[in-house]
Amino acid sequence: YLQQAQSHKEILQKAVNEWKLPRPDILRAMLLDASALSEQQKNAVSLSLLHKLKTNGSIRKAQLRKIQYRHGLYQNSLLQAAQDSL
């Protein structure tokens, strides 16, 4: 179980490192020169940004669930190893 725990720990660390990767700053796109855009273009940009934010949120949510699952596996393996040592 200890070897299993080590394996789960490594996978968990990779998942956490993916979580920490810098994401493109979508909000920077909001700083476009609004005066140069027509009202229709502003609406299109706004809808595009909302879609990107929603997609990014869904991806982050899936990554978080993956981290929680991996943490559970790691924790369970450590508990099993501790029980075996007793």
N, C-alpha and C. Protein backbone atom coordinates (compact mmCIF):
# COMPACT_ATOMS: atom_id res chain seq x y z
N TYR A 1 0.82 -1.21 0.00
CA TYR A 1 0.00 0.00 0.00
C TYR A 1 0.86 1.26 0.00
N LEU A 2 2.04 1.17 0.59
CA LEU A 2 2.92 2.33 0.62
C LEU A 2 3.41 2.70 -0.79
N GLN A 3 3.72 1.69 -1.59
CA GLN A 3 4.11 1.95 -2.97
C GLN A 3 2.94 2.54 -3.76
N GLN A 4 1.76 2.03 -3.48
CA GLN A 4 0.56 2.56 -4.13
C GLN A 4 0.36 4.03 -3.74
N ALA A 5 0.58 4.33 -2.46
CA ALA A 5 0.43 5.70 -1.98
C ALA A 5 1.43 6.62 -2.68
N GLN A 6 2.65 6.14 -2.86
CA GLN A 6 3.66 6.95 -3.54
C GLN A 6 3.25 7.22 -4.99
N SER A 7 2.72 6.19 -5.64
CA SER A 7 2.26 6.36 -7.02
C SER A 7 1.12 7.38 -7.09
N HIS A 8 0.16 7.27 -6.17
CA HIS A 8 -0.95 8.22 -6.14
C HIS A 8 -0.47 9.63 -5.83
N LYS A 9 0.55 9.74 -4.99
CA LYS A 9 1.09 11.05 -4.64
C LYS A 9 1.69 11.73 -5.87
N GLU A 10 2.42 10.97 -6.66
CA GLU A 10 3.05 11.54 -7.86
C GLU A 10 1.99 12.01 -8.86
N ILE A 11 0.93 11.19 -9.04
CA ILE A 11 -0.14 11.57 -9.96
C ILE A 11 -0.86 12.81 -9.43
N LEU A 12 -1.08 12.85 -8.12
CA LEU A 12 -1.73 14.00 -7.50
C LEU A 12 -0.91 15.26 -7.70
N GLN A 13 0.40 15.15 -7.52
CA GLN A 13 1.26 16.31 -7.70
C GLN A 13 1.22 16.83 -9.14
N LYS A 14 1.15 15.92 -10.11
CA LYS A 14 1.04 16.34 -11.51
C LYS A 14 -0.28 17.08 -11.74
N ALA A 15 -1.36 16.55 -11.16
CA ALA A 15 -2.67 17.20 -11.33
C ALA A 15 -2.66 18.59 -10.70
N VAL A 16 -2.05 18.73 -9.53
CA VAL A 16 -1.98 20.03 -8.86
C VAL A 16 -1.12 21.00 -9.67
N ASN A 17 -0.04 20.50 -10.24
CA ASN A 17 0.82 21.36 -11.06
C ASN A 17 0.08 21.84 -12.31
N GLU A 18 -0.77 20.98 -12.91
CA GLU A 18 -1.59 21.40 -14.04
C GLU A 18 -2.53 22.52 -13.61
N TRP A 19 -3.08 22.38 -12.40
CA TRP A 19 -4.01 23.38 -11.87
C TRP A 19 -3.32 24.73 -11.72
N LYS A 20 -2.04 24.69 -11.36
CA LYS A 20 -1.29 25.92 -11.10
C LYS A 20 -0.77 26.59 -12.37
N LEU A 21 -0.83 25.91 -13.52
CA LEU A 21 -0.31 26.49 -14.75
C LEU A 21 -0.97 27.83 -15.03
N PRO A 22 -0.20 28.78 -15.49
CA PRO A 22 -0.79 30.09 -15.78
C PRO A 22 -1.82 29.95 -16.91
N ARG A 23 -2.93 30.59 -16.72
CA ARG A 23 -4.00 30.57 -17.72
C ARG A 23 -3.98 31.88 -18.47
N PRO A 24 -4.41 31.84 -19.73
CA PRO A 24 -4.47 33.12 -20.46
C PRO A 24 -5.45 34.05 -19.76
N ASP A 25 -5.06 35.25 -19.61
CA ASP A 25 -5.89 36.22 -18.90
C ASP A 25 -6.99 36.73 -19.83
N ILE A 26 -8.16 36.14 -19.67
CA ILE A 26 -9.29 36.50 -20.53
C ILE A 26 -9.72 37.94 -20.27
N LEU A 27 -9.57 38.37 -19.04
CA LEU A 27 -10.03 39.72 -18.71
C LEU A 27 -9.23 40.80 -19.43
N ARG A 28 -8.00 40.48 -19.83
CA ARG A 28 -7.22 41.46 -20.59
C ARG A 28 -7.91 41.81 -21.90
N ALA A 29 -8.62 40.83 -22.44
CA ALA A 29 -9.32 41.08 -23.70
C ALA A 29 -10.40 42.14 -23.52
N MET A 30 -10.87 42.32 -22.29
CA MET A 30 -11.89 43.32 -22.03
C MET A 30 -11.34 44.74 -22.14
N LEU A 31 -10.03 44.86 -22.12
CA LEU A 31 -9.41 46.18 -22.19
C LEU A 31 -9.23 46.67 -23.63
N LEU A 32 -9.93 46.04 -24.55
CA LEU A 32 -9.87 46.49 -25.94
C LEU A 32 -10.34 47.93 -26.02
N ASP A 33 -9.91 48.61 -27.00
CA ASP A 33 -10.33 49.99 -27.18
C ASP A 33 -11.80 50.01 -27.57
N ALA A 34 -12.67 50.20 -26.59
CA ALA A 34 -14.11 50.13 -26.81
C ALA A 34 -14.61 51.25 -27.73
N SER A 35 -13.92 52.36 -27.75
CA SER A 35 -14.39 53.46 -28.58
C SER A 35 -14.27 53.15 -30.07
N ALA A 36 -13.39 52.21 -30.42
CA ALA A 36 -13.18 51.87 -31.82
C ALA A 36 -14.18 50.82 -32.30
N LEU A 37 -14.98 50.29 -31.39
CA LEU A 37 -15.92 49.23 -31.77
C LEU A 37 -17.33 49.78 -31.88
N SER A 38 -18.05 49.23 -32.83
CA SER A 38 -19.47 49.59 -32.94
C SER A 38 -20.23 48.84 -31.84
N GLU A 39 -21.47 49.20 -31.64
CA GLU A 39 -22.29 48.56 -30.60
C GLU A 39 -22.44 47.07 -30.88
N GLN A 40 -22.60 46.72 -32.13
CA GLN A 40 -22.76 45.32 -32.51
C GLN A 40 -21.46 44.54 -32.23
N GLN A 41 -20.33 45.16 -32.51
CA GLN A 41 -19.05 44.52 -32.25
C GLN A 41 -18.82 44.35 -30.75
N LYS A 42 -19.23 45.34 -29.97
CA LYS A 42 -19.10 45.24 -28.51
C LYS A 42 -19.92 44.07 -27.99
N ASN A 43 -21.13 43.91 -28.51
CA ASN A 43 -21.98 42.80 -28.09
C ASN A 43 -21.35 41.45 -28.46
N ALA A 44 -20.79 41.38 -29.65
CA ALA A 44 -20.16 40.14 -30.11
C ALA A 44 -18.96 39.79 -29.23
N VAL A 45 -18.15 40.80 -28.90
CA VAL A 45 -16.98 40.58 -28.04
C VAL A 45 -17.43 40.14 -26.65
N SER A 46 -18.47 40.78 -26.13
CA SER A 46 -18.99 40.42 -24.81
C SER A 46 -19.47 38.98 -24.78
N LEU A 47 -20.20 38.57 -25.80
CA LEU A 47 -20.68 37.18 -25.86
C LEU A 47 -19.52 36.20 -25.97
N SER A 48 -18.53 36.56 -26.75
CA SER A 48 -17.35 35.70 -26.90
C SER A 48 -16.62 35.54 -25.57
N LEU A 49 -16.46 36.65 -24.85
CA LEU A 49 -15.79 36.61 -23.55
C LEU A 49 -16.58 35.77 -22.55
N LEU A 50 -17.89 35.91 -22.54
CA LEU A 50 -18.71 35.11 -21.64
C LEU A 50 -18.58 33.63 -21.95
N HIS A 51 -18.54 33.30 -23.24
CA HIS A 51 -18.38 31.90 -23.63
C HIS A 51 -17.02 31.36 -23.17
N LYS A 52 -15.97 32.18 -23.35
CA LYS A 52 -14.63 31.75 -22.92
C LYS A 52 -14.56 31.57 -21.41
N LEU A 53 -15.18 32.47 -20.67
CA LEU A 53 -15.19 32.35 -19.21
C LEU A 53 -15.94 31.11 -18.76
N LYS A 54 -17.05 30.82 -19.42
CA LYS A 54 -17.83 29.63 -19.08
C LYS A 54 -17.02 28.37 -19.38
N THR A 55 -16.39 28.32 -20.53
CA THR A 55 -15.58 27.16 -20.91
C THR A 55 -14.42 26.98 -19.94
N ASN A 56 -13.74 28.08 -19.61
CA ASN A 56 -12.62 28.02 -18.68
C ASN A 56 -13.09 27.53 -17.31
N GLY A 57 -14.25 27.98 -16.88
CA GLY A 57 -14.80 27.54 -15.60
C GLY A 57 -15.10 26.05 -15.60
N SER A 58 -15.62 25.55 -16.70
CA SER A 58 -15.92 24.11 -16.81
C SER A 58 -14.64 23.28 -16.77
N ILE A 59 -13.62 23.75 -17.43
CA ILE A 59 -12.33 23.04 -17.44
C ILE A 59 -11.75 23.03 -16.03
N ARG A 60 -11.78 24.18 -15.36
CA ARG A 60 -11.23 24.26 -14.00
C ARG A 60 -12.01 23.36 -13.04
N LYS A 61 -13.32 23.28 -13.21
CA LYS A 61 -14.15 22.44 -12.36
C LYS A 61 -13.78 20.97 -12.55
N ALA A 62 -13.56 20.56 -13.79
CA ALA A 62 -13.16 19.18 -14.07
C ALA A 62 -11.78 18.89 -13.47
N GLN A 63 -10.86 19.85 -13.57
CA GLN A 63 -9.53 19.66 -12.98
C GLN A 63 -9.62 19.53 -11.47
N LEU A 64 -10.48 20.32 -10.85
CA LEU A 64 -10.63 20.25 -9.40
C LEU A 64 -11.19 18.90 -8.98
N ARG A 65 -12.18 18.38 -9.71
CA ARG A 65 -12.72 17.05 -9.40
C ARG A 65 -11.64 15.99 -9.53
N LYS A 66 -10.77 16.12 -10.53
CA LYS A 66 -9.68 15.17 -10.73
C LYS A 66 -8.71 15.21 -9.55
N ILE A 67 -8.40 16.41 -9.08
CA ILE A 67 -7.51 16.57 -7.93
C ILE A 67 -8.14 15.95 -6.68
N GLN A 68 -9.43 16.21 -6.47
CA GLN A 68 -10.11 15.66 -5.30
C GLN A 68 -10.12 14.13 -5.35
N TYR A 69 -10.35 13.56 -6.51
CA TYR A 69 -10.35 12.11 -6.66
C TYR A 69 -8.96 11.54 -6.37
N ARG A 70 -7.95 12.15 -6.95
CA ARG A 70 -6.57 11.67 -6.74
C ARG A 70 -6.17 11.81 -5.27
N HIS A 71 -6.60 12.88 -4.63
CA HIS A 71 -6.29 13.07 -3.21
C HIS A 71 -6.94 11.96 -2.38
N GLY A 72 -8.16 11.60 -2.73
CA GLY A 72 -8.85 10.52 -2.03
C GLY A 72 -8.12 9.20 -2.18
N LEU A 73 -7.63 8.91 -3.39
CA LEU A 73 -6.87 7.68 -3.60
C LEU A 73 -5.59 7.67 -2.77
N TYR A 74 -4.90 8.80 -2.77
CA TYR A 74 -3.66 8.93 -2.00
C TYR A 74 -3.93 8.76 -0.51
N GLN A 75 -4.95 9.43 -0.03
CA GLN A 75 -5.30 9.35 1.38
C GLN A 75 -5.68 7.93 1.78
N ASN A 76 -6.46 7.26 0.95
CA ASN A 76 -6.87 5.89 1.23
C ASN A 76 -5.68 4.95 1.28
N SER A 77 -4.75 5.12 0.35
CA SER A 77 -3.55 4.27 0.34
C SER A 77 -2.71 4.49 1.58
N LEU A 78 -2.59 5.75 2.02
CA LEU A 78 -1.84 6.02 3.25
C LEU A 78 -2.52 5.38 4.46
N LEU A 79 -3.82 5.45 4.51
CA LEU A 79 -4.54 4.83 5.63
C LEU A 79 -4.37 3.32 5.62
N GLN A 80 -4.43 2.71 4.46
CA GLN A 80 -4.23 1.26 4.35
C GLN A 80 -2.81 0.88 4.78
N ALA A 81 -1.84 1.68 4.37
CA ALA A 81 -0.45 1.40 4.76
C ALA A 81 -0.28 1.52 6.27
N ALA A 82 -0.92 2.52 6.86
CA ALA A 82 -0.84 2.71 8.32
C ALA A 82 -1.51 1.54 9.05
N GLN A 83 -2.64 1.08 8.54
CA GLN A 83 -3.32 -0.05 9.17
C GLN A 83 -2.48 -1.32 9.05
N ASP A 84 -1.84 -1.51 7.91
CA ASP A 84 -0.99 -2.69 7.75
C ASP A 84 0.22 -2.67 8.67
N SER A 85 0.70 -1.48 8.96
CA SER A 85 1.89 -1.40 9.82
C SER A 85 1.53 -1.64 11.28
N LEU A 86 0.26 -1.49 11.62
CA LEU A 86 -0.17 -1.75 12.99
C LEU A 86 -0.40 -3.22 13.12
